[in-house]
Amino acid sequence: MHNIKTKSKLENELKKMIHKFLSEHLGEKATSISIALKSEMLTIFASKCLPPAEQNLTDKPMLFKLLQEVKTKQFDLQKSFLKAQIEKIMDCAVENIELLEKK
């Protein structure tokens, strides 16, 4: 029998997985994770992920740009793992994953 999950249950599972993903694969800890699940789009917001030492670099434009490049590469290396985890929870194919950075 196919196990149908409620929207709330899916969101909770995704939050837990994202928290674990950020911690174990990117070395980050978000202060807040929110999930928006609408129609065929899933949006995940993770806030304040940078540790204090990296947060201090955001005040310096050149260092911030370098930090963004490093974090983007780091994320890209883990994207296929993240995709597989989302597909497992959602029980459907994930077409694309995009990283949107706060400017």
PDB file of N, CA and C in Angstrom:
ATOM      1  N   MET A   1       0.837  -1.191   0.000  1.00  0.00           N
ATOM      2  CA  MET A   1       0.000   0.000   0.000  1.00  0.00           C
ATOM      3  C   MET A   1       0.874   1.245   0.000  1.00  0.00           C
ATOM      4  N   HIS A   2       0.522   2.208  -0.806  1.00  0.00           N
ATOM      5  CA  HIS A   2       1.291   3.443  -0.955  1.00  0.00           C
ATOM      6  C   HIS A   2       1.010   4.375   0.230  1.00  0.00           C
ATOM      7  N   ASN A   3       2.067   4.858   0.847  1.00  0.00           N
ATOM      8  CA  ASN A   3       1.933   5.736   2.009  1.00  0.00           C
ATOM      9  C   ASN A   3       1.789   7.184   1.546  1.00  0.00           C
ATOM     10  N   ILE A   4       0.615   7.772   1.749  1.00  0.00           N
ATOM     11  CA  ILE A   4       0.379   9.159   1.348  1.00  0.00           C
ATOM     12  C   ILE A   4       0.682  10.058   2.533  1.00  0.00           C
ATOM     13  N   LYS A   5       1.538  11.049   2.294  1.00  0.00           N
ATOM     14  CA  LYS A   5       1.946  11.967   3.354  1.00  0.00           C
ATOM     15  C   LYS A   5       1.165  13.274   3.244  1.00  0.00           C
ATOM     16  N   THR A   6       0.844  13.845   4.380  1.00  0.00           N
ATOM     17  CA  THR A   6       0.186  15.148   4.388  1.00  0.00           C
ATOM     18  C   THR A   6       1.216  16.226   4.064  1.00  0.00           C
ATOM     19  N   LYS A   7       0.729  17.374   3.656  1.00  0.00           N
ATOM     20  CA  LYS A   7       1.612  18.504   3.349  1.00  0.00           C
ATOM     21  C   LYS A   7       2.459  18.856   4.570  1.00  0.00           C
ATOM     22  N   SER A   8       1.845  18.864   5.720  1.00  0.00           N
ATOM     23  CA  SER A   8       2.542  19.187   6.967  1.00  0.00           C
ATOM     24  C   SER A   8       3.655  18.175   7.251  1.00  0.00           C
ATOM     25  N   LYS A   9       3.368  16.904   7.050  1.00  0.00           N
ATOM     26  CA  LYS A   9       4.370  15.856   7.284  1.00  0.00           C
ATOM     27  C   LYS A   9       5.530  15.991   6.298  1.00  0.00           C
ATOM     28  N   LEU A  10       5.220  16.264   5.031  1.00  0.00           N
ATOM     29  CA  LEU A  10       6.271  16.472   4.031  1.00  0.00           C
ATOM     30  C   LEU A  10       7.162  17.654   4.417  1.00  0.00           C
ATOM     31  N   GLU A  11       6.535  18.749   4.817  1.00  0.00           N
ATOM     32  CA  GLU A  11       7.302  19.942   5.203  1.00  0.00           C
ATOM     33  C   GLU A  11       8.205  19.650   6.389  1.00  0.00           C
ATOM     34  N   ASN A  12       7.703  18.929   7.380  1.00  0.00           N
ATOM     35  CA  ASN A  12       8.517  18.592   8.554  1.00  0.00           C
ATOM     36  C   ASN A  12       9.686  17.682   8.188  1.00  0.00           C
ATOM     37  N   GLU A  13       9.437  16.690   7.345  1.00  0.00           N
ATOM     38  CA  GLU A  13      10.515  15.798   6.908  1.00  0.00           C
ATOM     39  C   GLU A  13      11.571  16.563   6.118  1.00  0.00           C
ATOM     40  N   LEU A  14      11.114  17.473   5.259  1.00  0.00           N
ATOM     41  CA  LEU A  14      12.050  18.274   4.472  1.00  0.00           C
ATOM     42  C   LEU A  14      12.894  19.182   5.364  1.00  0.00           C
ATOM     43  N   LYS A  15      12.266  19.812   6.353  1.00  0.00           N
ATOM     44  CA  LYS A  15      13.008  20.677   7.281  1.00  0.00           C
ATOM     45  C   LYS A  15      14.106  19.906   7.999  1.00  0.00           C
ATOM     46  N   LYS A  16      13.753  18.713   8.498  1.00  0.00           N
ATOM     47  CA  LYS A  16      14.744  17.883   9.198  1.00  0.00           C
ATOM     48  C   LYS A  16      15.886  17.499   8.270  1.00  0.00           C
ATOM     49  N   MET A  17      15.539  17.113   7.043  1.00  0.00           N
ATOM     50  CA  MET A  17      16.558  16.713   6.083  1.00  0.00           C
ATOM     51  C   MET A  17      17.460  17.886   5.717  1.00  0.00           C
ATOM     52  N   ILE A  18      16.886  19.056   5.499  1.00  0.00           N
ATOM     53  CA  ILE A  18      17.681  20.241   5.139  1.00  0.00           C
ATOM     54  C   ILE A  18      18.604  20.615   6.296  1.00  0.00           C
ATOM     55  N   HIS A  19      18.101  20.575   7.495  1.00  0.00           N
ATOM     56  CA  HIS A  19      18.937  20.869   8.665  1.00  0.00           C
ATOM     57  C   HIS A  19      20.142  19.921   8.704  1.00  0.00           C
ATOM     58  N   LYS A  20      19.874  18.640   8.527  1.00  0.00           N
ATOM     59  CA  LYS A  20      20.940  17.634   8.539  1.00  0.00           C
ATOM     60  C   LYS A  20      21.885  17.831   7.355  1.00  0.00           C
ATOM     61  N   PHE A  21      21.334  18.110   6.179  1.00  0.00           N
ATOM     62  CA  PHE A  21      22.146  18.344   4.976  1.00  0.00           C
ATOM     63  C   PHE A  21      23.098  19.529   5.180  1.00  0.00           C
ATOM     64  N   LEU A  22      22.550  20.629   5.662  1.00  0.00           N
ATOM     65  CA  LEU A  22      23.387  21.815   5.882  1.00  0.00           C
ATOM     66  C   LEU A  22      24.514  21.516   6.866  1.00  0.00           C
ATOM     67  N   SER A  23      24.177  20.837   7.934  1.00  0.00           N
ATOM     68  CA  SER A  23      25.157  20.526   8.969  1.00  0.00           C
ATOM     69  C   SER A  23      26.220  19.539   8.484  1.00  0.00           C
ATOM     70  N   GLU A  24      25.783  18.418   7.920  1.00  0.00           N
ATOM     71  CA  GLU A  24      26.708  17.345   7.575  1.00  0.00           C
ATOM     72  C   GLU A  24      27.431  17.527   6.245  1.00  0.00           C
ATOM     73  N   HIS A  25      26.813  18.230   5.301  1.00  0.00           N
ATOM     74  CA  HIS A  25      27.410  18.332   3.969  1.00  0.00           C
ATOM     75  C   HIS A  25      27.982  19.711   3.657  1.00  0.00           C
ATOM     76  N   LEU A  26      27.506  20.736   4.344  1.00  0.00           N
ATOM     77  CA  LEU A  26      28.010  22.076   4.081  1.00  0.00           C
ATOM     78  C   LEU A  26      28.637  22.721   5.311  1.00  0.00           C
ATOM     79  N   GLY A  27      28.539  22.056   6.457  1.00  0.00           N
ATOM     80  CA  GLY A  27      29.131  22.597   7.682  1.00  0.00           C
ATOM     81  C   GLY A  27      28.458  23.865   8.175  1.00  0.00           C
ATOM     82  N   GLU A  28      27.166  23.973   7.949  1.00  0.00           N
ATOM     83  CA  GLU A  28      26.427  25.181   8.320  1.00  0.00           C
ATOM     84  C   GLU A  28      25.233  24.827   9.198  1.00  0.00           C
ATOM     85  N   LYS A  29      24.768  25.823   9.927  1.00  0.00           N
ATOM     86  CA  LYS A  29      23.595  25.633  10.778  1.00  0.00           C
ATOM     87  C   LYS A  29      22.678  26.833  10.604  1.00  0.00           C
ATOM     88  N   ALA A  30      21.547  26.600   9.980  1.00  0.00           N
ATOM     89  CA  ALA A  30      20.581  27.676   9.758  1.00  0.00           C
ATOM     90  C   ALA A  30      19.821  27.955  11.045  1.00  0.00           C
ATOM     91  N   THR A  31      19.570  29.237  11.312  1.00  0.00           N
ATOM     92  CA  THR A  31      18.767  29.583  12.482  1.00  0.00           C
ATOM     93  C   THR A  31      17.284  29.347  12.208  1.00  0.00           C
ATOM     94  N   SER A  32      16.934  29.308  10.917  1.00  0.00           N
ATOM     95  CA  SER A  32      15.534  29.117  10.546  1.00  0.00           C
ATOM     96  C   SER A  32      15.474  28.446   9.174  1.00  0.00           C
ATOM     97  N   ILE A  33      14.595  27.466   9.055  1.00  0.00           N
ATOM     98  CA  ILE A  33      14.343  26.814   7.776  1.00  0.00           C
ATOM     99  C   ILE A  33      12.839  26.818   7.563  1.00  0.00           C
ATOM    100  N   SER A  34      12.420  27.332   6.411  1.00  0.00           N
ATOM    101  CA  SER A  34      10.994  27.298   6.096  1.00  0.00           C
ATOM    102  C   SER A  34      10.806  26.671   4.717  1.00  0.00           C
ATOM    103  N   ILE A  35       9.667  26.049   4.557  1.00  0.00           N
ATOM    104  CA  ILE A  35       9.342  25.308   3.343  1.00  0.00           C
ATOM    105  C   ILE A  35       8.063  25.878   2.753  1.00  0.00           C
ATOM    106  N   ALA A  36       8.070  26.127   1.451  1.00  0.00           N
ATOM    107  CA  ALA A  36       6.861  26.540   0.739  1.00  0.00           C
ATOM    108  C   ALA A  36       6.600  25.488  -0.338  1.00  0.00           C
ATOM    109  N   LEU A  37       5.525  24.764  -0.176  1.00  0.00           N
ATOM    110  CA  LEU A  37       5.166  23.691  -1.093  1.00  0.00           C
ATOM    111  C   LEU A  37       3.872  24.086  -1.790  1.00  0.00           C
ATOM    112  N   LYS A  38       4.004  24.459  -3.074  1.00  0.00           N
ATOM    113  CA  LYS A  38       2.831  24.912  -3.823  1.00  0.00           C
ATOM    114  C   LYS A  38       2.827  24.261  -5.193  1.00  0.00           C
ATOM    115  N   SER A  39       1.741  23.623  -5.505  1.00  0.00           N
ATOM    116  CA  SER A  39       1.549  22.979  -6.798  1.00  0.00           C
ATOM    117  C   SER A  39       2.755  22.095  -7.114  1.00  0.00           C
ATOM    118  N   GLU A  40       3.504  22.452  -8.142  1.00  0.00           N
ATOM    119  CA  GLU A  40       4.651  21.642  -8.540  1.00  0.00           C
ATOM    120  C   GLU A  40       5.973  22.315  -8.200  1.00  0.00           C
ATOM    121  N   MET A  41       5.969  23.225  -7.238  1.00  0.00           N
ATOM    122  CA  MET A  41       7.199  23.914  -6.873  1.00  0.00           C
ATOM    123  C   MET A  41       7.437  23.816  -5.372  1.00  0.00           C
ATOM    124  N   LEU A  42       8.662  23.500  -5.043  1.00  0.00           N
ATOM    125  CA  LEU A  42       9.097  23.433  -3.653  1.00  0.00           C
ATOM    126  C   LEU A  42      10.160  24.505  -3.464  1.00  0.00           C
ATOM    127  N   THR A  43       9.954  25.373  -2.492  1.00  0.00           N
ATOM    128  CA  THR A  43      10.931  26.403  -2.182  1.00  0.00           C
ATOM    129  C   THR A  43      11.379  26.218  -0.744  1.00  0.00           C
ATOM    130  N   ILE A  44      12.685  26.219  -0.553  1.00  0.00           N
ATOM    131  CA  ILE A  44      13.264  26.043   0.775  1.00  0.00           C
ATOM    132  C   ILE A  44      14.058  27.301   1.112  1.00  0.00           C
ATOM    133  N   PHE A  45      13.741  27.894   2.256  1.00  0.00           N
ATOM    134  CA  PHE A  45      14.460  29.073   2.726  1.00  0.00           C
ATOM    135  C   PHE A  45      15.257  28.689   3.976  1.00  0.00           C
ATOM    136  N   ALA A  46      16.549  28.901   3.926  1.00  0.00           N
ATOM    137  CA  ALA A  46      17.398  28.668   5.092  1.00  0.00           C
ATOM    138  C   ALA A  46      18.044  30.003   5.440  1.00  0.00           C
ATOM    139  N   SER A  47      17.810  30.462   6.656  1.00  0.00           N
ATOM    140  CA  SER A  47      18.281  31.788   7.065  1.00  0.00           C
ATOM    141  C   SER A  47      19.476  31.715   7.996  1.00  0.00           C
ATOM    142  N   LYS A  48      20.326  32.694   7.844  1.00  0.00           N
ATOM    143  CA  LYS A  48      21.484  32.887   8.719  1.00  0.00           C
ATOM    144  C   LYS A  48      22.292  31.602   8.898  1.00  0.00           C
ATOM    145  N   CYS A  49      22.811  31.117   7.787  1.00  0.00           N
ATOM    146  CA  CYS A  49      23.561  29.857   7.788  1.00  0.00           C
ATOM    147  C   CYS A  49      25.043  30.044   8.105  1.00  0.00           C
ATOM    148  N   LEU A  50      25.544  31.235   7.933  1.00  0.00           N
ATOM    149  CA  LEU A  50      26.985  31.446   8.089  1.00  0.00           C
ATOM    150  C   LEU A  50      27.419  31.482   9.548  1.00  0.00           C
ATOM    151  N   PRO A  51      28.528  30.807   9.839  1.00  0.00           N
ATOM    152  CA  PRO A  51      29.097  30.937  11.181  1.00  0.00           C
ATOM    153  C   PRO A  51      29.630  32.367  11.373  1.00  0.00           C
ATOM    154  N   PRO A  52      29.824  32.819  12.614  1.00  0.00           N
ATOM    155  CA  PRO A  52      30.249  34.204  12.872  1.00  0.00           C
ATOM    156  C   PRO A  52      31.491  34.639  12.095  1.00  0.00           C
ATOM    157  N   ALA A  53      32.485  33.789  11.983  1.00  0.00           N
ATOM    158  CA  ALA A  53      33.718  34.178  11.275  1.00  0.00           C
ATOM    159  C   ALA A  53      33.427  34.488   9.810  1.00  0.00           C
ATOM    160  N   GLU A  54      32.578  33.675   9.169  1.00  0.00           N
ATOM    161  CA  GLU A  54      32.220  33.930   7.772  1.00  0.00           C
ATOM    162  C   GLU A  54      31.270  35.113   7.660  1.00  0.00           C
ATOM    163  N   GLN A  55      30.410  35.289   8.635  1.00  0.00           N
ATOM    164  CA  GLN A  55      29.485  36.420   8.631  1.00  0.00           C
ATOM    165  C   GLN A  55      30.255  37.737   8.623  1.00  0.00           C
ATOM    166  N   ASN A  56      31.395  37.779   9.331  1.00  0.00           N
ATOM    167  CA  ASN A  56      32.224  38.991   9.363  1.00  0.00           C
ATOM    168  C   ASN A  56      32.766  39.349   7.984  1.00  0.00           C
ATOM    169  N   LEU A  57      32.920  38.361   7.115  1.00  0.00           N
ATOM    170  CA  LEU A  57      33.441  38.611   5.766  1.00  0.00           C
ATOM    171  C   LEU A  57      32.418  39.300   4.871  1.00  0.00           C
ATOM    172  N   THR A  58      31.154  39.257   5.238  1.00  0.00           N
ATOM    173  CA  THR A  58      30.111  39.831   4.385  1.00  0.00           C
ATOM    174  C   THR A  58      30.173  41.358   4.345  1.00  0.00           C
ATOM    175  N   ASP A  59      30.892  41.976   5.278  1.00  0.00           N
ATOM    176  CA  ASP A  59      31.035  43.435   5.293  1.00  0.00           C
ATOM    177  C   ASP A  59      32.075  43.927   4.296  1.00  0.00           C
ATOM    178  N   LYS A  60      32.890  43.016   3.781  1.00  0.00           N
ATOM    179  CA  LYS A  60      33.961  43.380   2.854  1.00  0.00           C
ATOM    180  C   LYS A  60      33.610  42.825   1.477  1.00  0.00           C
ATOM    181  N   PRO A  61      33.263  43.717   0.532  1.00  0.00           N
ATOM    182  CA  PRO A  61      32.750  43.274  -0.779  1.00  0.00           C
ATOM    183  C   PRO A  61      33.609  42.220  -1.494  1.00  0.00           C
ATOM    184  N   MET A  62      34.910  42.386  -1.527  1.00  0.00           N
ATOM    185  CA  MET A  62      35.767  41.422  -2.232  1.00  0.00           C
ATOM    186  C   MET A  62      35.745  40.053  -1.543  1.00  0.00           C
ATOM    187  N   LEU A  63      35.820  40.076  -0.223  1.00  0.00           N
ATOM    188  CA  LEU A  63      35.798  38.818   0.527  1.00  0.00           C
ATOM    189  C   LEU A  63      34.429  38.154   0.460  1.00  0.00           C
ATOM    190  N   PHE A  64      33.386  38.981   0.455  1.00  0.00           N
ATOM    191  CA  PHE A  64      32.036  38.444   0.350  1.00  0.00           C
ATOM    192  C   PHE A  64      31.841  37.748  -0.996  1.00  0.00           C
ATOM    193  N   LYS A  65      32.341  38.355  -2.059  1.00  0.00           N
ATOM    194  CA  LYS A  65      32.229  37.746  -3.387  1.00  0.00           C
ATOM    195  C   LYS A  65      32.971  36.407  -3.420  1.00  0.00           C
ATOM    196  N   LEU A  66      34.146  36.361  -2.842  1.00  0.00           N
ATOM    197  CA  LEU A  66      34.915  35.117  -2.773  1.00  0.00           C
ATOM    198  C   LEU A  66      34.166  34.058  -1.948  1.00  0.00           C
ATOM    199  N   LEU A  67      33.607  34.485  -0.832  1.00  0.00           N
ATOM    200  CA  LEU A  67      32.840  33.581   0.022  1.00  0.00           C
ATOM    201  C   LEU A  67      31.639  33.008  -0.740  1.00  0.00           C
ATOM    202  N   GLN A  68      30.946  33.847  -1.488  1.00  0.00           N
ATOM    203  CA  GLN A  68      29.812  33.384  -2.291  1.00  0.00           C
ATOM    204  C   GLN A  68      30.250  32.349  -3.320  1.00  0.00           C
ATOM    205  N   GLU A  69      31.383  32.593  -3.964  1.00  0.00           N
ATOM    206  CA  GLU A  69      31.888  31.653  -4.964  1.00  0.00           C
ATOM    207  C   GLU A  69      32.210  30.298  -4.328  1.00  0.00           C
ATOM    208  N   VAL A  70      32.855  30.325  -3.171  1.00  0.00           N
ATOM    209  CA  VAL A  70      33.213  29.091  -2.471  1.00  0.00           C
ATOM    210  C   VAL A  70      31.949  28.347  -2.037  1.00  0.00           C
ATOM    211  N   LYS A  71      30.996  29.060  -1.462  1.00  0.00           N
ATOM    212  CA  LYS A  71      29.755  28.431  -0.987  1.00  0.00           C
ATOM    213  C   LYS A  71      28.949  27.863  -2.161  1.00  0.00           C
ATOM    214  N   THR A  72      28.936  28.565  -3.286  1.00  0.00           N
ATOM    215  CA  THR A  72      28.219  28.082  -4.466  1.00  0.00           C
ATOM    216  C   THR A  72      28.860  26.796  -4.983  1.00  0.00           C
ATOM    217  N   LYS A  73      30.175  26.766  -5.071  1.00  0.00           N
ATOM    218  CA  LYS A  73      30.874  25.543  -5.507  1.00  0.00           C
ATOM    219  C   LYS A  73      30.608  24.392  -4.538  1.00  0.00           C
ATOM    220  N   GLN A  74      30.666  24.695  -3.259  1.00  0.00           N
ATOM    221  CA  GLN A  74      30.418  23.690  -2.232  1.00  0.00           C
ATOM    222  C   GLN A  74      28.999  23.121  -2.395  1.00  0.00           C
ATOM    223  N   PHE A  75      28.027  23.990  -2.605  1.00  0.00           N
ATOM    224  CA  PHE A  75      26.640  23.558  -2.802  1.00  0.00           C
ATOM    225  C   PHE A  75      26.505  22.716  -4.071  1.00  0.00           C
ATOM    226  N   ASP A  76      27.117  23.184  -5.155  1.00  0.00           N
ATOM    227  CA  ASP A  76      27.024  22.470  -6.427  1.00  0.00           C
ATOM    228  C   ASP A  76      27.562  21.045  -6.323  1.00  0.00           C
ATOM    229  N   LEU A  77      28.605  20.851  -5.532  1.00  0.00           N
ATOM    230  CA  LEU A  77      29.179  19.521  -5.352  1.00  0.00           C
ATOM    231  C   LEU A  77      28.217  18.581  -4.613  1.00  0.00           C
ATOM    232  N   GLN A  78      27.317  19.131  -3.840  1.00  0.00           N
ATOM    233  CA  GLN A  78      26.382  18.327  -3.039  1.00  0.00           C
ATOM    234  C   GLN A  78      24.965  18.284  -3.620  1.00  0.00           C
ATOM    235  N   LYS A  79      24.763  18.974  -4.733  1.00  0.00           N
ATOM    236  CA  LYS A  79      23.420  19.118  -5.308  1.00  0.00           C
ATOM    237  C   LYS A  79      22.768  17.773  -5.656  1.00  0.00           C
ATOM    238  N   SER A  80      23.516  16.832  -6.210  1.00  0.00           N
ATOM    239  CA  SER A  80      22.909  15.548  -6.589  1.00  0.00           C
ATOM    240  C   SER A  80      22.465  14.765  -5.351  1.00  0.00           C
ATOM    241  N   PHE A  81      23.229  14.872  -4.261  1.00  0.00           N
ATOM    242  CA  PHE A  81      22.822  14.225  -3.011  1.00  0.00           C
ATOM    243  C   PHE A  81      21.529  14.854  -2.495  1.00  0.00           C
ATOM    244  N   LEU A  82      21.473  16.183  -2.501  1.00  0.00           N
ATOM    245  CA  LEU A  82      20.281  16.893  -2.045  1.00  0.00           C
ATOM    246  C   LEU A  82      19.066  16.515  -2.896  1.00  0.00           C
ATOM    247  N   LYS A  83      19.269  16.470  -4.201  1.00  0.00           N
ATOM    248  CA  LYS A  83      18.185  16.097  -5.115  1.00  0.00           C
ATOM    249  C   LYS A  83      17.634  14.712  -4.766  1.00  0.00           C
ATOM    250  N   ALA A  84      18.525  13.761  -4.550  1.00  0.00           N
ATOM    251  CA  ALA A  84      18.099  12.397  -4.212  1.00  0.00           C
ATOM    252  C   ALA A  84      17.322  12.361  -2.900  1.00  0.00           C
ATOM    253  N   GLN A  85      17.757  13.147  -1.921  1.00  0.00           N
ATOM    254  CA  GLN A  85      17.064  13.184  -0.633  1.00  0.00           C
ATOM    255  C   GLN A  85      15.665  13.783  -0.764  1.00  0.00           C
ATOM    256  N   ILE A  86      15.542  14.842  -1.551  1.00  0.00           N
ATOM    257  CA  ILE A  86      14.234  15.471  -1.764  1.00  0.00           C
ATOM    258  C   ILE A  86      13.315  14.506  -2.507  1.00  0.00           C
ATOM    259  N   GLU A  87      13.842  13.844  -3.539  1.00  0.00           N
ATOM    260  CA  GLU A  87      13.033  12.884  -4.292  1.00  0.00           C
ATOM    261  C   GLU A  87      12.532  11.751  -3.404  1.00  0.00           C
ATOM    262  N   LYS A  88      13.379  11.308  -2.495  1.00  0.00           N
ATOM    263  CA  LYS A  88      12.993  10.224  -1.586  1.00  0.00           C
ATOM    264  C   LYS A  88      11.833  10.661  -0.677  1.00  0.00           C
ATOM    265  N   ILE A  89      11.917  11.860  -0.149  1.00  0.00           N
ATOM    266  CA  ILE A  89      10.869  12.361   0.742  1.00  0.00           C
ATOM    267  C   ILE A  89       9.582  12.663  -0.026  1.00  0.00           C
ATOM    268  N   MET A  90       9.730  13.315  -1.190  1.00  0.00           N
ATOM    269  CA  MET A  90       8.567  13.747  -1.960  1.00  0.00           C
ATOM    270  C   MET A  90       7.962  12.628  -2.806  1.00  0.00           C
ATOM    271  N   ASP A  91       8.721  11.572  -3.024  1.00  0.00           N
ATOM    272  CA  ASP A  91       8.282  10.450  -3.852  1.00  0.00           C
ATOM    273  C   ASP A  91       7.924  10.903  -5.264  1.00  0.00           C
ATOM    274  N   CYS A  92       8.776  11.774  -5.798  1.00  0.00           N
ATOM    275  CA  CYS A  92       8.617  12.222  -7.178  1.00  0.00           C
ATOM    276  C   CYS A  92       9.961  12.759  -7.680  1.00  0.00           C
ATOM    277  N   ALA A  93      10.066  12.907  -8.982  1.00  0.00           N
ATOM    278  CA  ALA A  93      11.315  13.388  -9.575  1.00  0.00           C
ATOM    279  C   ALA A  93      11.478  14.892  -9.340  1.00  0.00           C
ATOM    280  N   VAL A  94      12.710  15.294  -9.096  1.00  0.00           N
ATOM    281  CA  VAL A  94      13.049  16.709  -8.972  1.00  0.00           C
ATOM    282  C   VAL A  94      13.687  17.124 -10.290  1.00  0.00           C
ATOM    283  N   GLU A  95      13.094  18.116 -10.927  1.00  0.00           N
ATOM    284  CA  GLU A  95      13.582  18.551 -12.228  1.00  0.00           C
ATOM    285  C   GLU A  95      14.828  19.415 -12.113  1.00  0.00           C
ATOM    286  N   ASN A  96      14.836  20.319 -11.153  1.00  0.00           N
ATOM    287  CA  ASN A  96      15.936  21.270 -11.077  1.00  0.00           C
ATOM    288  C   ASN A  96      16.082  21.791  -9.654  1.00  0.00           C
ATOM    289  N   ILE A  97      17.318  22.097  -9.286  1.00  0.00           N
ATOM    290  CA  ILE A  97      17.597  22.731  -8.002  1.00  0.00           C
ATOM    291  C   ILE A  97      18.412  23.975  -8.289  1.00  0.00           C
ATOM    292  N   GLU A  98      17.956  25.106  -7.798  1.00  0.00           N
ATOM    293  CA  GLU A  98      18.647  26.374  -7.981  1.00  0.00           C
ATOM    294  C   GLU A  98      19.019  26.956  -6.626  1.00  0.00           C
ATOM    295  N   LEU A  99      20.193  27.512  -6.543  1.00  0.00           N
ATOM    296  CA  LEU A  99      20.636  28.194  -5.336  1.00  0.00           C
ATOM    297  C   LEU A  99      20.450  29.686  -5.560  1.00  0.00           C
ATOM    298  N   LEU A 100      19.603  30.280  -4.769  1.00  0.00           N
ATOM    299  CA  LEU A 100      19.376  31.723  -4.850  1.00  0.00           C
ATOM    300  C   LEU A 100      20.047  32.368  -3.646  1.00  0.00           C
ATOM    301  N   GLU A 101      20.955  33.264  -3.939  1.00  0.00           N
ATOM    302  CA  GLU A 101      21.710  33.890  -2.861  1.00  0.00           C
ATOM    303  C   GLU A 101      21.142  35.261  -2.532  1.00  0.00           C
ATOM    304  N   LYS A 102      21.170  35.564  -1.272  1.00  0.00           N
ATOM    305  CA  LYS A 102      20.759  36.891  -0.811  1.00  0.00           C
ATOM    306  C   LYS A 102      21.843  37.877  -1.218  1.00  0.00           C
ATOM    307  N   LYS A 103      21.447  38.936  -1.818  1.00  0.00           N
ATOM    308  CA  LYS A 103      22.419  39.946  -2.278  1.00  0.00           C
ATOM    309  C   LYS A 103      22.613  41.012  -1.236  1.00  0.00           C
TER     310      LYS A 103
END
